[in-house]
Amino acid sequence: MDGANREKIEKIVRDRKRAHTALSKLSQGYRLFSELDQHTFTGGALAKKEKELIALGISVHKNCEPCMEWHIHEALKSGASREQIIEALEVGIEMGGGPASVSARFALDVLDYYSER
């Protein structure tokens, strides 16, 4: 992975933490969204890992780099293997075609970033 994407990933993490702290104090709507997020990604009929992999495929399709970073990190923490993450990326690519294959390049760098840690 090149240094530019490493810096980009680290900036995404810093920005998310800063915004989460500020918005948690300032915004009732954000706090409610955070509750929805926690509820949605709690295990149920689908395990948290499976939900994170679904969200990763959607993130690739939507080209949301901060989303890809978050859901790869959370999928790994939930026990997802590299192979499972690659398959989730494949689903996103299949659903989004050529543009999603470009998005998946960033996702691979994120996977490498967390694999090196």
PDB file of N, CA and C in Angstrom:
ATOM      1  N   MET A   1       0.851  -1.175   0.000  1.00  0.00           N
ATOM      2  CA  MET A   1       0.000   0.000   0.000  1.00  0.00           C
ATOM      3  C   MET A   1       0.897   1.239   0.000  1.00  0.00           C
ATOM      4  N   ASP A   2       0.490   2.238  -0.766  1.00  0.00           N
ATOM      5  CA  ASP A   2       1.289   3.453  -0.811  1.00  0.00           C
ATOM      6  C   ASP A   2       1.019   4.323   0.419  1.00  0.00           C
ATOM      7  N   GLY A   3       1.944   5.204   0.689  1.00  0.00           N
ATOM      8  CA  GLY A   3       1.834   6.062   1.862  1.00  0.00           C
ATOM      9  C   GLY A   3       0.622   6.974   1.838  1.00  0.00           C
ATOM     10  N   ALA A   4       0.204   7.370   0.646  1.00  0.00           N
ATOM     11  CA  ALA A   4      -0.952   8.274   0.539  1.00  0.00           C
ATOM     12  C   ALA A   4      -2.220   7.604   1.058  1.00  0.00           C
ATOM     13  N   ASN A   5      -2.434   6.352   0.706  1.00  0.00           N
ATOM     14  CA  ASN A   5      -3.640   5.675   1.205  1.00  0.00           C
ATOM     15  C   ASN A   5      -3.534   5.363   2.695  1.00  0.00           C
ATOM     16  N   ARG A   6      -2.333   5.077   3.179  1.00  0.00           N
ATOM     17  CA  ARG A   6      -2.156   4.878   4.625  1.00  0.00           C
ATOM     18  C   ARG A   6      -2.554   6.149   5.372  1.00  0.00           C
ATOM     19  N   GLU A   7      -2.082   7.286   4.896  1.00  0.00           N
ATOM     20  CA  GLU A   7      -2.441   8.567   5.514  1.00  0.00           C
ATOM     21  C   GLU A   7      -3.939   8.832   5.393  1.00  0.00           C
ATOM     22  N   LYS A   8      -4.513   8.487   4.253  1.00  0.00           N
ATOM     23  CA  LYS A   8      -5.944   8.690   4.030  1.00  0.00           C
ATOM     24  C   LYS A   8      -6.757   7.855   5.025  1.00  0.00           C
ATOM     25  N   ILE A   9      -6.372   6.609   5.215  1.00  0.00           N
ATOM     26  CA  ILE A   9      -7.076   5.733   6.159  1.00  0.00           C
ATOM     27  C   ILE A   9      -6.967   6.287   7.573  1.00  0.00           C
ATOM     28  N   GLU A  10      -5.768   6.693   7.961  1.00  0.00           N
ATOM     29  CA  GLU A  10      -5.574   7.235   9.308  1.00  0.00           C
ATOM     30  C   GLU A  10      -6.359   8.531   9.509  1.00  0.00           C
ATOM     31  N   LYS A  11      -6.468   9.343   8.459  1.00  0.00           N
ATOM     32  CA  LYS A  11      -7.272  10.569   8.542  1.00  0.00           C
ATOM     33  C   LYS A  11      -8.754  10.223   8.685  1.00  0.00           C
ATOM     34  N   ILE A  12      -9.225   9.238   7.953  1.00  0.00           N
ATOM     35  CA  ILE A  12     -10.619   8.809   8.075  1.00  0.00           C
ATOM     36  C   ILE A  12     -10.920   8.401   9.515  1.00  0.00           C
ATOM     37  N   VAL A  13     -10.024   7.640  10.118  1.00  0.00           N
ATOM     38  CA  VAL A  13     -10.225   7.189  11.507  1.00  0.00           C
ATOM     39  C   VAL A  13     -10.249   8.386  12.452  1.00  0.00           C
ATOM     40  N   ARG A  14      -9.278   9.295  12.308  1.00  0.00           N
ATOM     41  CA  ARG A  14      -9.227  10.490  13.172  1.00  0.00           C
ATOM     42  C   ARG A  14     -10.474  11.342  13.013  1.00  0.00           C
ATOM     43  N   ASP A  15     -10.866  11.588  11.770  1.00  0.00           N
ATOM     44  CA  ASP A  15     -12.044  12.425  11.510  1.00  0.00           C
ATOM     45  C   ASP A  15     -13.316  11.801  12.081  1.00  0.00           C
ATOM     46  N   ARG A  16     -13.449  10.481  11.938  1.00  0.00           N
ATOM     47  CA  ARG A  16     -14.636   9.811  12.470  1.00  0.00           C
ATOM     48  C   ARG A  16     -14.703   9.960  13.982  1.00  0.00           C
ATOM     49  N   LYS A  17     -13.593   9.733  14.658  1.00  0.00           N
ATOM     50  CA  LYS A  17     -13.577   9.826  16.122  1.00  0.00           C
ATOM     51  C   LYS A  17     -13.893  11.248  16.583  1.00  0.00           C
ATOM     52  N   ARG A  18     -13.306  12.228  15.906  1.00  0.00           N
ATOM     53  CA  ARG A  18     -13.545  13.628  16.277  1.00  0.00           C
ATOM     54  C   ARG A  18     -15.009  14.002  16.058  1.00  0.00           C
ATOM     55  N   ALA A  19     -15.543  13.638  14.911  1.00  0.00           N
ATOM     56  CA  ALA A  19     -16.938  13.968  14.604  1.00  0.00           C
ATOM     57  C   ALA A  19     -17.896  13.235  15.531  1.00  0.00           C
ATOM     58  N   HIS A  20     -17.594  11.974  15.828  1.00  0.00           N
ATOM     59  CA  HIS A  20     -18.468  11.212  16.722  1.00  0.00           C
ATOM     60  C   HIS A  20     -18.530  11.864  18.106  1.00  0.00           C
ATOM     61  N   THR A  21     -17.392  12.275  18.610  1.00  0.00           N
ATOM     62  CA  THR A  21     -17.355  12.917  19.921  1.00  0.00           C
ATOM     63  C   THR A  21     -18.165  14.210  19.907  1.00  0.00           C
ATOM     64  N   ALA A  22     -17.938  15.038  18.902  1.00  0.00           N
ATOM     65  CA  ALA A  22     -18.645  16.321  18.828  1.00  0.00           C
ATOM     66  C   ALA A  22     -20.144  16.130  18.611  1.00  0.00           C
ATOM     67  N   LEU A  23     -20.513  15.307  17.650  1.00  0.00           N
ATOM     68  CA  LEU A  23     -21.932  15.139  17.332  1.00  0.00           C
ATOM     69  C   LEU A  23     -22.695  14.435  18.454  1.00  0.00           C
ATOM     70  N   SER A  24     -22.014  13.545  19.173  1.00  0.00           N
ATOM     71  CA  SER A  24     -22.675  12.877  20.307  1.00  0.00           C
ATOM     72  C   SER A  24     -23.103  13.881  21.365  1.00  0.00           C
ATOM     73  N   LYS A  25     -22.328  14.958  21.510  1.00  0.00           N
ATOM     74  CA  LYS A  25     -22.658  15.993  22.486  1.00  0.00           C
ATOM     75  C   LYS A  25     -23.684  16.984  21.946  1.00  0.00           C
ATOM     76  N   LEU A  26     -23.654  17.239  20.634  1.00  0.00           N
ATOM     77  CA  LEU A  26     -24.416  18.336  20.050  1.00  0.00           C
ATOM     78  C   LEU A  26     -25.734  17.952  19.401  1.00  0.00           C
ATOM     79  N   SER A  27     -25.894  16.689  19.009  1.00  0.00           N
ATOM     80  CA  SER A  27     -27.004  16.341  18.136  1.00  0.00           C
ATOM     81  C   SER A  27     -27.806  15.146  18.643  1.00  0.00           C
ATOM     82  N   GLN A  28     -29.049  15.403  18.996  1.00  0.00           N
ATOM     83  CA  GLN A  28     -29.954  14.324  19.387  1.00  0.00           C
ATOM     84  C   GLN A  28     -30.185  13.376  18.208  1.00  0.00           C
ATOM     85  N   GLY A  29     -30.321  13.934  17.005  1.00  0.00           N
ATOM     86  CA  GLY A  29     -30.508  13.109  15.813  1.00  0.00           C
ATOM     87  C   GLY A  29     -29.353  12.151  15.607  1.00  0.00           C
ATOM     88  N   TYR A  30     -28.125  12.639  15.819  1.00  0.00           N
ATOM     89  CA  TYR A  30     -26.952  11.777  15.681  1.00  0.00           C
ATOM     90  C   TYR A  30     -26.962  10.690  16.751  1.00  0.00           C
ATOM     91  N   ARG A  31     -27.311  11.059  17.967  1.00  0.00           N
ATOM     92  CA  ARG A  31     -27.368  10.047  19.044  1.00  0.00           C
ATOM     93  C   ARG A  31     -28.390   8.968  18.706  1.00  0.00           C
ATOM     94  N   LEU A  32     -29.538   9.363  18.154  1.00  0.00           N
ATOM     95  CA  LEU A  32     -30.552   8.384  17.758  1.00  0.00           C
ATOM     96  C   LEU A  32     -30.038   7.503  16.623  1.00  0.00           C
ATOM     97  N   PHE A  33     -29.337   8.108  15.668  1.00  0.00           N
ATOM     98  CA  PHE A  33     -28.748   7.321  14.591  1.00  0.00           C
ATOM     99  C   PHE A  33     -27.736   6.318  15.149  1.00  0.00           C
ATOM    100  N   SER A  34     -26.939   6.739  16.131  1.00  0.00           N
ATOM    101  CA  SER A  34     -25.964   5.837  16.751  1.00  0.00           C
ATOM    102  C   SER A  34     -26.655   4.658  17.432  1.00  0.00           C
ATOM    103  N   GLU A  35     -27.792   4.930  18.071  1.00  0.00           N
ATOM    104  CA  GLU A  35     -28.563   3.840  18.683  1.00  0.00           C
ATOM    105  C   GLU A  35     -29.069   2.870  17.616  1.00  0.00           C
ATOM    106  N   LEU A  36     -29.554   3.410  16.496  1.00  0.00           N
ATOM    107  CA  LEU A  36     -30.007   2.565  15.398  1.00  0.00           C
ATOM    108  C   LEU A  36     -28.854   1.709  14.889  1.00  0.00           C
ATOM    109  N   ASP A  37     -27.683   2.319  14.738  1.00  0.00           N
ATOM    110  CA  ASP A  37     -26.496   1.604  14.283  1.00  0.00           C
ATOM    111  C   ASP A  37     -26.157   0.456  15.228  1.00  0.00           C
ATOM    112  N   GLN A  38     -26.145   0.736  16.518  1.00  0.00           N
ATOM    113  CA  GLN A  38     -25.837  -0.308  17.505  1.00  0.00           C
ATOM    114  C   GLN A  38     -26.865  -1.432  17.443  1.00  0.00           C
ATOM    115  N   HIS A  39     -28.128  -1.081  17.329  1.00  0.00           N
ATOM    116  CA  HIS A  39     -29.182  -2.091  17.251  1.00  0.00           C
ATOM    117  C   HIS A  39     -29.033  -2.931  15.980  1.00  0.00           C
ATOM    118  N   THR A  40     -28.795  -2.269  14.857  1.00  0.00           N
ATOM    119  CA  THR A  40     -28.717  -2.952  13.565  1.00  0.00           C
ATOM    120  C   THR A  40     -27.568  -3.952  13.521  1.00  0.00           C
ATOM    121  N   PHE A  41     -26.436  -3.596  14.082  1.00  0.00           N
ATOM    122  CA  PHE A  41     -25.259  -4.447  13.978  1.00  0.00           C
ATOM    123  C   PHE A  41     -25.083  -5.392  15.162  1.00  0.00           C
ATOM    124  N   THR A  42     -26.075  -5.454  16.035  1.00  0.00           N
ATOM    125  CA  THR A  42     -26.071  -6.465  17.094  1.00  0.00           C
ATOM    126  C   THR A  42     -26.499  -7.781  16.467  1.00  0.00           C
ATOM    127  N   GLY A  43     -25.907  -8.866  16.934  1.00  0.00           N
ATOM    128  CA  GLY A  43     -26.263 -10.176  16.390  1.00  0.00           C
ATOM    129  C   GLY A  43     -27.741 -10.471  16.555  1.00  0.00           C
ATOM    130  N   GLY A  44     -28.258 -11.256  15.690  1.00  0.00           N
ATOM    131  CA  GLY A  44     -29.646 -11.700  15.701  1.00  0.00           C
ATOM    132  C   GLY A  44     -29.694 -12.935  14.820  1.00  0.00           C
ATOM    133  N   ALA A  45     -30.627 -12.979  13.894  1.00  0.00           N
ATOM    134  CA  ALA A  45     -30.661 -14.081  12.942  1.00  0.00           C
ATOM    135  C   ALA A  45     -29.381 -14.081  12.093  1.00  0.00           C
ATOM    136  N   LEU A  46     -28.830 -12.891  11.863  1.00  0.00           N
ATOM    137  CA  LEU A  46     -27.517 -12.763  11.230  1.00  0.00           C
ATOM    138  C   LEU A  46     -26.525 -12.325  12.297  1.00  0.00           C
ATOM    139  N   ALA A  47     -25.360 -12.907  12.277  1.00  0.00           N
ATOM    140  CA  ALA A  47     -24.304 -12.512  13.211  1.00  0.00           C
ATOM    141  C   ALA A  47     -23.753 -11.142  12.810  1.00  0.00           C
ATOM    142  N   LYS A  48     -23.152 -10.451  13.767  1.00  0.00           N
ATOM    143  CA  LYS A  48     -22.543  -9.142  13.494  1.00  0.00           C
ATOM    144  C   LYS A  48     -21.582  -9.236  12.316  1.00  0.00           C
ATOM    145  N   LYS A  49     -20.763 -10.279  12.268  1.00  0.00           N
ATOM    146  CA  LYS A  49     -19.805 -10.441  11.173  1.00  0.00           C
ATOM    147  C   LYS A  49     -20.517 -10.444   9.826  1.00  0.00           C
ATOM    148  N   GLU A  50     -21.611 -11.173   9.727  1.00  0.00           N
ATOM    149  CA  GLU A  50     -22.350 -11.238   8.463  1.00  0.00           C
ATOM    150  C   GLU A  50     -22.924  -9.873   8.094  1.00  0.00           C
ATOM    151  N   LYS A  51     -23.426  -9.162   9.083  1.00  0.00           N
ATOM    152  CA  LYS A  51     -23.972  -7.828   8.821  1.00  0.00           C
ATOM    153  C   LYS A  51     -22.881  -6.868   8.355  1.00  0.00           C
ATOM    154  N   GLU A  52     -21.696  -6.967   8.943  1.00  0.00           N
ATOM    155  CA  GLU A  52     -20.580  -6.113   8.529  1.00  0.00           C
ATOM    156  C   GLU A  52     -20.169  -6.425   7.096  1.00  0.00           C
ATOM    157  N   LEU A  53     -20.186  -7.694   6.718  1.00  0.00           N
ATOM    158  CA  LEU A  53     -19.832  -8.071   5.353  1.00  0.00           C
ATOM    159  C   LEU A  53     -20.869  -7.558   4.351  1.00  0.00           C
ATOM    160  N   ILE A  54     -22.132  -7.606   4.714  1.00  0.00           N
ATOM    161  CA  ILE A  54     -23.181  -7.038   3.856  1.00  0.00           C
ATOM    162  C   ILE A  54     -22.943  -5.536   3.682  1.00  0.00           C
ATOM    163  N   ALA A  55     -22.706  -4.856   4.804  1.00  0.00           N
ATOM    164  CA  ALA A  55     -22.476  -3.408   4.756  1.00  0.00           C
ATOM    165  C   ALA A  55     -21.233  -3.080   3.932  1.00  0.00           C
ATOM    166  N   LEU A  56     -20.225  -3.930   3.983  1.00  0.00           N
ATOM    167  CA  LEU A  56     -19.021  -3.708   3.186  1.00  0.00           C
ATOM    168  C   LEU A  56     -19.339  -3.773   1.695  1.00  0.00           C
ATOM    169  N   GLY A  57     -20.114  -4.767   1.283  1.00  0.00           N
ATOM    170  CA  GLY A  57     -20.501  -4.852  -0.127  1.00  0.00           C
ATOM    171  C   GLY A  57     -21.248  -3.614  -0.582  1.00  0.00           C
ATOM    172  N   ILE A  58     -22.141  -3.130   0.270  1.00  0.00           N
ATOM    173  CA  ILE A  58     -22.891  -1.908  -0.053  1.00  0.00           C
ATOM    174  C   ILE A  58     -21.945  -0.715  -0.112  1.00  0.00           C
ATOM    175  N   SER A  59     -20.994  -0.657   0.792  1.00  0.00           N
ATOM    176  CA  SER A  59     -20.033   0.455   0.820  1.00  0.00           C
ATOM    177  C   SER A  59     -19.212   0.517  -0.455  1.00  0.00           C
ATOM    178  N   VAL A  60     -18.816  -0.645  -0.973  1.00  0.00           N
ATOM    179  CA  VAL A  60     -18.067  -0.691  -2.231  1.00  0.00           C
ATOM    180  C   VAL A  60     -18.955  -0.195  -3.367  1.00  0.00           C
ATOM    181  N   HIS A  61     -20.178  -0.665  -3.392  1.00  0.00           N
ATOM    182  CA  HIS A  61     -21.123  -0.236  -4.436  1.00  0.00           C
ATOM    183  C   HIS A  61     -21.338   1.277  -4.391  1.00  0.00           C
ATOM    184  N   LYS A  62     -21.436   1.850  -3.187  1.00  0.00           N
ATOM    185  CA  LYS A  62     -21.693   3.289  -3.022  1.00  0.00           C
ATOM    186  C   LYS A  62     -20.412   4.131  -3.089  1.00  0.00           C
ATOM    187  N   ASN A  63     -19.248   3.482  -3.108  1.00  0.00           N
ATOM    188  CA  ASN A  63     -17.948   4.158  -3.088  1.00  0.00           C
ATOM    189  C   ASN A  63     -17.801   5.069  -1.877  1.00  0.00           C
ATOM    190  N   CYS A  64     -18.159   4.553  -0.719  1.00  0.00           N
ATOM    191  CA  CYS A  64     -18.017   5.305   0.530  1.00  0.00           C
ATOM    192  C   CYS A  64     -16.748   4.815   1.236  1.00  0.00           C
ATOM    193  N   GLU A  65     -15.660   5.549   1.042  1.00  0.00           N
ATOM    194  CA  GLU A  65     -14.381   5.121   1.608  1.00  0.00           C
ATOM    195  C   GLU A  65     -14.405   5.055   3.131  1.00  0.00           C
ATOM    196  N   PRO A  66     -14.965   6.055   3.838  1.00  0.00           N
ATOM    197  CA  PRO A  66     -15.038   5.914   5.297  1.00  0.00           C
ATOM    198  C   PRO A  66     -15.868   4.688   5.712  1.00  0.00           C
ATOM    199  N   CYS A  67     -16.914   4.389   4.944  1.00  0.00           N
ATOM    200  CA  CYS A  67     -17.737   3.209   5.248  1.00  0.00           C
ATOM    201  C   CYS A  67     -16.927   1.934   5.059  1.00  0.00           C
ATOM    202  N   MET A  68     -16.153   1.874   3.968  1.00  0.00           N
ATOM    203  CA  MET A  68     -15.329   0.694   3.724  1.00  0.00           C
ATOM    204  C   MET A  68     -14.341   0.497   4.870  1.00  0.00           C
ATOM    205  N   GLU A  69     -13.708   1.576   5.288  1.00  0.00           N
ATOM    206  CA  GLU A  69     -12.736   1.469   6.395  1.00  0.00           C
ATOM    207  C   GLU A  69     -13.418   0.919   7.632  1.00  0.00           C
ATOM    208  N   TRP A  70     -14.559   1.495   7.995  1.00  0.00           N
ATOM    209  CA  TRP A  70     -15.259   1.096   9.222  1.00  0.00           C
ATOM    210  C   TRP A  70     -15.708  -0.364   9.146  1.00  0.00           C
ATOM    211  N   HIS A  71     -16.350  -0.749   8.064  1.00  0.00           N
ATOM    212  CA  HIS A  71     -16.932  -2.084   7.994  1.00  0.00           C
ATOM    213  C   HIS A  71     -15.870  -3.171   7.831  1.00  0.00           C
ATOM    214  N   ILE A  72     -14.745  -2.862   7.189  1.00  0.00           N
ATOM    215  CA  ILE A  72     -13.645  -3.831   7.159  1.00  0.00           C
ATOM    216  C   ILE A  72     -13.083  -4.008   8.561  1.00  0.00           C
ATOM    217  N   HIS A  73     -12.846  -2.902   9.241  1.00  0.00           N
ATOM    218  CA  HIS A  73     -12.325  -2.971  10.611  1.00  0.00           C
ATOM    219  C   HIS A  73     -13.268  -3.762  11.513  1.00  0.00           C
ATOM    220  N   GLU A  74     -14.550  -3.454  11.451  1.00  0.00           N
ATOM    221  CA  GLU A  74     -15.537  -4.135  12.293  1.00  0.00           C
ATOM    222  C   GLU A  74     -15.701  -5.605  11.895  1.00  0.00           C
ATOM    223  N   ALA A  75     -15.643  -5.898  10.604  1.00  0.00           N
ATOM    224  CA  ALA A  75     -15.742  -7.296  10.159  1.00  0.00           C
ATOM    225  C   ALA A  75     -14.561  -8.099  10.693  1.00  0.00           C
ATOM    226  N   LEU A  76     -13.362  -7.533  10.602  1.00  0.00           N
ATOM    227  CA  LEU A  76     -12.189  -8.234  11.141  1.00  0.00           C
ATOM    228  C   LEU A  76     -12.317  -8.446  12.647  1.00  0.00           C
ATOM    229  N   LYS A  77     -12.746  -7.404  13.367  1.00  0.00           N
ATOM    230  CA  LYS A  77     -12.934  -7.541  14.817  1.00  0.00           C
ATOM    231  C   LYS A  77     -13.980  -8.603  15.143  1.00  0.00           C
ATOM    232  N   SER A  78     -14.933  -8.810  14.234  1.00  0.00           N
ATOM    233  CA  SER A  78     -16.010  -9.777  14.450  1.00  0.00           C
ATOM    234  C   SER A  78     -15.632 -11.184  13.976  1.00  0.00           C
ATOM    235  N   GLY A  79     -14.401 -11.341  13.531  1.00  0.00           N
ATOM    236  CA  GLY A  79     -13.931 -12.670  13.159  1.00  0.00           C
ATOM    237  C   GLY A  79     -13.929 -12.991  11.680  1.00  0.00           C
ATOM    238  N   ALA A  80     -14.187 -12.011  10.828  1.00  0.00           N
ATOM    239  CA  ALA A  80     -14.177 -12.272   9.386  1.00  0.00           C
ATOM    240  C   ALA A  80     -12.753 -12.563   8.920  1.00  0.00           C
ATOM    241  N   SER A  81     -12.649 -13.494   8.009  1.00  0.00           N
ATOM    242  CA  SER A  81     -11.352 -13.812   7.415  1.00  0.00           C
ATOM    243  C   SER A  81     -11.109 -12.912   6.205  1.00  0.00           C
ATOM    244  N   ARG A  82      -9.876 -12.892   5.758  1.00  0.00           N
ATOM    245  CA  ARG A  82      -9.527 -12.145   4.541  1.00  0.00           C
ATOM    246  C   ARG A  82     -10.376 -12.649   3.367  1.00  0.00           C
ATOM    247  N   GLU A  83     -10.550 -13.958   3.285  1.00  0.00           N
ATOM    248  CA  GLU A  83     -11.319 -14.554   2.188  1.00  0.00           C
ATOM    249  C   GLU A  83     -12.777 -14.097   2.228  1.00  0.00           C
ATOM    250  N   GLN A  84     -13.366 -14.012   3.419  1.00  0.00           N
ATOM    251  CA  GLN A  84     -14.751 -13.556   3.538  1.00  0.00           C
ATOM    252  C   GLN A  84     -14.875 -12.091   3.125  1.00  0.00           C
ATOM    253  N   ILE A  85     -13.899 -11.290   3.499  1.00  0.00           N
ATOM    254  CA  ILE A  85     -13.918  -9.880   3.112  1.00  0.00           C
ATOM    255  C   ILE A  85     -13.792  -9.745   1.601  1.00  0.00           C
ATOM    256  N   ILE A  86     -12.911 -10.524   0.990  1.00  0.00           N
ATOM    257  CA  ILE A  86     -12.763 -10.487  -0.468  1.00  0.00           C
ATOM    258  C   ILE A  86     -14.081 -10.874  -1.132  1.00  0.00           C
ATOM    259  N   GLU A  87     -14.769 -11.880  -0.613  1.00  0.00           N
ATOM    260  CA  GLU A  87     -16.052 -12.275  -1.203  1.00  0.00           C
ATOM    261  C   GLU A  87     -17.100 -11.173  -1.056  1.00  0.00           C
ATOM    262  N   ALA A  88     -17.088 -10.461   0.065  1.00  0.00           N
ATOM    263  CA  ALA A  88     -18.009  -9.331   0.227  1.00  0.00           C
ATOM    264  C   ALA A  88     -17.684  -8.241  -0.789  1.00  0.00           C
ATOM    265  N   LEU A  89     -16.391  -8.012  -1.038  1.00  0.00           N
ATOM    266  CA  LEU A  89     -15.999  -7.043  -2.059  1.00  0.00           C
ATOM    267  C   LEU A  89     -16.498  -7.487  -3.432  1.00  0.00           C
ATOM    268  N   GLU A  90     -16.411  -8.786  -3.699  1.00  0.00           N
ATOM    269  CA  GLU A  90     -16.886  -9.312  -4.976  1.00  0.00           C
ATOM    270  C   GLU A  90     -18.382  -9.062  -5.165  1.00  0.00           C
ATOM    271  N   VAL A  91     -19.147  -9.205  -4.089  1.00  0.00           N
ATOM    272  CA  VAL A  91     -20.587  -8.934  -4.180  1.00  0.00           C
ATOM    273  C   VAL A  91     -20.812  -7.463  -4.524  1.00  0.00           C
ATOM    274  N   GLY A  92     -20.083  -6.577  -3.857  1.00  0.00           N
ATOM    275  CA  GLY A  92     -20.203  -5.151  -4.156  1.00  0.00           C
ATOM    276  C   GLY A  92     -19.830  -4.844  -5.593  1.00  0.00           C
ATOM    277  N   ILE A  93     -18.767  -5.503  -6.090  1.00  0.00           N
ATOM    278  CA  ILE A  93     -18.347  -5.293  -7.478  1.00  0.00           C
ATOM    279  C   ILE A  93     -19.423  -5.798  -8.436  1.00  0.00           C
ATOM    280  N   GLU A  94     -19.964  -6.970  -8.155  1.00  0.00           N
ATOM    281  CA  GLU A  94     -21.001  -7.528  -9.032  1.00  0.00           C
ATOM    282  C   GLU A  94     -22.204  -6.600  -9.099  1.00  0.00           C
ATOM    283  N   MET A  95     -22.583  -6.036  -7.972  1.00  0.00           N
ATOM    284  CA  MET A  95     -23.744  -5.155  -7.935  1.00  0.00           C
ATOM    285  C   MET A  95     -23.462  -3.787  -8.556  1.00  0.00           C
ATOM    286  N   GLY A  96     -22.203  -3.343  -8.519  1.00  0.00           N
ATOM    287  CA  GLY A  96     -21.880  -1.997  -8.982  1.00  0.00           C
ATOM    288  C   GLY A  96     -21.087  -1.921 -10.268  1.00  0.00           C
ATOM    289  N   GLY A  97     -20.657  -3.058 -10.800  1.00  0.00           N
ATOM    290  CA  GLY A  97     -19.928  -3.068 -12.061  1.00  0.00           C
ATOM    291  C   GLY A  97     -18.559  -2.406 -11.982  1.00  0.00           C
ATOM    292  N   GLY A  98     -18.140  -1.862 -13.110  1.00  0.00           N
ATOM    293  CA  GLY A  98     -16.811  -1.267 -13.222  1.00  0.00           C
ATOM    294  C   GLY A  98     -16.490  -0.225 -12.160  1.00  0.00           C
ATOM    295  N   PRO A  99     -17.396   0.736 -11.908  1.00  0.00           N
ATOM    296  CA  PRO A  99     -17.082   1.733 -10.877  1.00  0.00           C
ATOM    297  C   PRO A  99     -16.824   1.104  -9.504  1.00  0.00           C
ATOM    298  N   ALA A 100     -17.548   0.057  -9.169  1.00  0.00           N
ATOM    299  CA  ALA A 100     -17.341  -0.592  -7.870  1.00  0.00           C
ATOM    300  C   ALA A 100     -16.006  -1.333  -7.835  1.00  0.00           C
ATOM    301  N   SER A 101     -15.542  -1.811  -8.991  1.00  0.00           N
ATOM    302  CA  SER A 101     -14.227  -2.467  -8.998  1.00  0.00           C
ATOM    303  C   SER A 101     -13.126  -1.465  -8.681  1.00  0.00           C
ATOM    304  N   VAL A 102     -13.338  -0.215  -9.072  1.00  0.00           N
ATOM    305  CA  VAL A 102     -12.384   0.852  -8.721  1.00  0.00           C
ATOM    306  C   VAL A 102     -12.465   1.132  -7.218  1.00  0.00           C
ATOM    307  N   SER A 103     -13.670   1.172  -6.666  1.00  0.00           N
ATOM    308  CA  SER A 103     -13.845   1.391  -5.223  1.00  0.00           C
ATOM    309  C   SER A 103     -13.161   0.296  -4.422  1.00  0.00           C
ATOM    310  N   ALA A 104     -13.211  -0.923  -4.934  1.00  0.00           N
ATOM    311  CA  ALA A 104     -12.642  -2.061  -4.215  1.00  0.00           C
ATOM    312  C   ALA A 104     -11.125  -1.934  -4.050  1.00  0.00           C
ATOM    313  N   ARG A 105     -10.481  -1.153  -4.891  1.00  0.00           N
ATOM    314  CA  ARG A 105      -9.027  -0.957  -4.748  1.00  0.00           C
ATOM    315  C   ARG A 105      -8.702  -0.333  -3.401  1.00  0.00           C
ATOM    316  N   PHE A 106      -9.488   0.680  -3.019  1.00  0.00           N
ATOM    317  CA  PHE A 106      -9.272   1.312  -1.716  1.00  0.00           C
ATOM    318  C   PHE A 106      -9.546   0.304  -0.602  1.00  0.00           C
ATOM    319  N   ALA A 107     -10.609  -0.482  -0.760  1.00  0.00           N
ATOM    320  CA  ALA A 107     -10.948  -1.479   0.252  1.00  0.00           C
ATOM    321  C   ALA A 107      -9.803  -2.475   0.452  1.00  0.00           C
ATOM    322  N   LEU A 108      -9.132  -2.857  -0.611  1.00  0.00           N
ATOM    323  CA  LEU A 108      -7.985  -3.765  -0.482  1.00  0.00           C
ATOM    324  C   LEU A 108      -6.869  -3.119   0.326  1.00  0.00           C
ATOM    325  N   ASP A 109      -6.643  -1.826   0.112  1.00  0.00           N
ATOM    326  CA  ASP A 109      -5.627  -1.128   0.910  1.00  0.00           C
ATOM    327  C   ASP A 109      -6.021  -1.079   2.378  1.00  0.00           C
ATOM    328  N   VAL A 110      -7.311  -0.890   2.650  1.00  0.00           N
ATOM    329  CA  VAL A 110      -7.775  -0.899   4.044  1.00  0.00           C
ATOM    330  C   VAL A 110      -7.540  -2.276   4.655  1.00  0.00           C
ATOM    331  N   LEU A 111      -7.864  -3.315   3.922  1.00  0.00           N
ATOM    332  CA  LEU A 111      -7.648  -4.680   4.416  1.00  0.00           C
ATOM    333  C   LEU A 111      -6.174  -4.904   4.711  1.00  0.00           C
ATOM    334  N   ASP A 112      -5.305  -4.464   3.816  1.00  0.00           N
ATOM    335  CA  ASP A 112      -3.864  -4.584   4.062  1.00  0.00           C
ATOM    336  C   ASP A 112      -3.444  -3.773   5.281  1.00  0.00           C
ATOM    337  N   TYR A 113      -3.993  -2.580   5.425  1.00  0.00           N
ATOM    338  CA  TYR A 113      -3.668  -1.712   6.562  1.00  0.00           C
ATOM    339  C   TYR A 113      -3.958  -2.436   7.880  1.00  0.00           C
ATOM    340  N   TYR A 114      -5.135  -3.021   7.996  1.00  0.00           N
ATOM    341  CA  TYR A 114      -5.499  -3.702   9.246  1.00  0.00           C
ATOM    342  C   TYR A 114      -4.810  -5.052   9.390  1.00  0.00           C
ATOM    343  N   SER A 115      -4.419  -5.655   8.285  1.00  0.00           N
ATOM    344  CA  SER A 115      -3.700  -6.931   8.357  1.00  0.00           C
ATOM    345  C   SER A 115      -2.270  -6.735   8.855  1.00  0.00           C
ATOM    346  N   GLU A 116      -1.721  -5.548   8.627  1.00  0.00           N
ATOM    347  CA  GLU A 116      -0.365  -5.232   9.077  1.00  0.00           C
ATOM    348  C   GLU A 116      -0.290  -4.895  10.555  1.00  0.00           C
ATOM    349  N   ARG A 117      -1.422  -4.630  11.180  1.00  0.00           N
ATOM    350  CA  ARG A 117      -1.449  -4.198  12.581  1.00  0.00           C
ATOM    351  C   ARG A 117      -1.385  -5.373  13.509  1.00  0.00           C
TER     352      ARG A 117
END
